[in-house]
């Protein structure tokens, strides 16, 4: 059963991340667009601009307060889910698209990022 559709990406979404409580999800595409969505209404909450290359990794923190992305532009970015604003960018940190080795991740308690 289809629950809804996300619209507004100029390119096919390459990654989807869903919050642990199912209230929010994030999509990212090959053009670098990252968008946060309300999972109940399928309405866009925020765009998170910053990447200019394909996004190969997206992950929401366990508490759903932060989003972690990595792209082929060589950056790992940490976003505030409530505002869509970048909290931090790490240059020369991302791994190539399609690689499962060395992907950034949150620690189990969500208080730190490991990459």
Protein backbone atom coordinates (compact mmCIF):
# COMPACT_ATOMS: atom_id res chain seq x y z
CA UNK A 1 0.00 0.00 0.00
CA UNK A 2 1.39 3.37 -1.00
CA UNK A 3 1.39 5.81 1.92
CA UNK A 4 2.45 8.88 -0.01
CA UNK A 5 4.93 10.35 -2.44
CA UNK A 6 7.80 12.72 -1.99
CA UNK A 7 8.09 15.37 -4.64
CA UNK A 8 10.54 18.15 -5.26
CA UNK A 9 13.79 16.37 -5.98
CA UNK A 10 15.18 17.26 -9.37
CA UNK A 11 16.96 13.93 -9.39
CA UNK A 12 16.08 10.46 -8.11
CA UNK A 13 16.66 10.18 -4.35
CA UNK A 14 19.81 8.15 -3.72
CA UNK A 15 19.34 7.74 0.04
CA UNK A 16 16.49 7.65 2.54
CA UNK A 17 16.85 7.74 6.33
CA UNK A 18 13.91 7.20 8.70
CA UNK A 19 13.80 8.32 12.33
CA UNK A 20 13.59 5.66 15.03
CA UNK A 21 10.13 6.89 16.05
CA UNK A 22 8.93 7.05 12.43
CA UNK A 23 7.94 10.73 12.62
CA UNK A 24 10.54 12.17 10.25
CA UNK A 25 12.53 10.97 7.28
CA UNK A 26 15.24 12.45 5.11
CA UNK A 27 15.95 12.02 1.42
CA UNK A 28 19.09 12.87 -0.50
CA UNK A 29 19.75 12.81 -4.21
CA UNK A 30 22.51 12.66 -6.80
CA UNK A 31 22.57 16.46 -7.19
CA UNK A 32 23.37 16.89 -3.48
CA UNK A 33 19.92 18.01 -2.32
CA UNK A 34 19.03 16.86 1.19
CA UNK A 35 15.43 17.29 2.32
CA UNK A 36 13.70 16.56 5.62
CA UNK A 37 10.06 15.38 5.63
CA UNK A 38 7.18 14.89 8.03
CA UNK A 39 6.47 11.16 7.79
CA UNK A 40 2.79 11.55 8.66
CA UNK A 41 1.90 14.13 6.02
CA UNK A 42 4.74 13.61 3.50
CA UNK A 43 5.23 17.39 3.49
CA UNK A 44 8.73 18.84 3.21
CA UNK A 45 9.96 20.39 6.45
CA UNK A 46 13.34 21.76 5.36
CA UNK A 47 15.93 21.63 2.63
CA UNK A 48 19.47 21.22 3.90
CA UNK A 49 21.73 22.88 1.30
CA UNK A 50 25.45 22.31 1.32
CA UNK A 51 26.41 19.26 -0.72
CA UNK A 52 27.08 19.82 -4.42
CA UNK A 53 27.67 16.19 -5.39
CA UNK A 54 25.81 12.87 -5.02
CA UNK A 55 24.94 11.99 -1.43
CA UNK A 56 25.92 8.41 -0.67
CA UNK A 57 24.96 8.22 3.00
CA UNK A 58 22.18 9.61 5.21
CA UNK A 59 21.43 8.67 8.80
CA UNK A 60 19.25 10.16 11.52
CA UNK A 61 20.51 10.21 15.11
CA UNK A 62 18.81 7.89 17.60
CA UNK A 63 17.03 10.88 19.21
CA UNK A 64 16.05 12.27 15.76
CA UNK A 65 17.63 15.66 16.49
CA UNK A 66 20.45 15.43 13.96
CA UNK A 67 20.99 14.16 10.43
CA UNK A 68 24.36 12.91 9.19
CA UNK A 69 25.17 12.90 5.47
CA UNK A 70 28.23 12.08 3.36
CA UNK A 71 28.66 12.98 -0.28
CA UNK A 72 31.02 12.60 -3.21
CA UNK A 73 32.03 16.25 -2.69
CA UNK A 74 34.32 14.92 0.05
CA UNK A 75 32.29 16.22 2.98
CA UNK A 76 30.43 14.74 5.90
CA UNK A 77 27.78 17.11 7.23
CA UNK A 78 25.80 17.21 10.45
CA UNK A 79 22.38 18.92 10.29
CA UNK A 80 19.82 20.11 12.83
CA UNK A 81 16.58 18.29 12.01
CA UNK A 82 14.36 20.97 13.57
CA UNK A 83 15.78 23.79 11.41
CA UNK A 84 17.56 22.11 8.47
CA UNK A 85 20.66 24.17 9.27
CA UNK A 86 24.17 22.75 9.06
CA UNK A 87 25.77 22.25 12.47
CA UNK A 88 29.15 21.06 11.22
CA UNK A 89 30.96 20.10 8.03
CA UNK A 90 33.98 17.84 7.88
CA UNK A 91 36.08 18.28 4.72
CA UNK A 92 37.91 15.39 3.02
CA UNK A 93 36.00 12.93 5.16
CA UNK A 94 33.49 11.19 2.90
CA UNK A 95 33.98 7.78 1.35
CA UNK A 96 33.17 7.06 -2.30
CA UNK A 97 29.55 6.40 -3.25
CA UNK A 98 28.64 2.76 -3.10
CA UNK A 99 31.31 1.95 -0.51
CA UNK A 100 30.08 0.45 2.74
CA UNK A 101 33.52 0.71 4.29
CA UNK A 102 34.17 3.63 6.53
CA UNK A 103 30.74 5.25 6.29
CA UNK A 104 30.17 7.84 9.00
CA UNK A 105 27.78 6.88 11.77
CA UNK A 106 26.46 8.00 15.11
CA UNK A 107 27.56 6.29 18.29
CA UNK A 108 24.74 4.18 19.78
CA UNK A 109 23.78 6.96 22.23
CA UNK A 110 23.84 9.55 19.43
CA UNK A 111 26.21 11.93 21.21
CA UNK A 112 29.13 11.59 18.77
CA UNK A 113 29.89 10.94 15.11
CA UNK A 114 32.48 8.39 14.02
CA UNK A 115 33.98 8.39 10.53
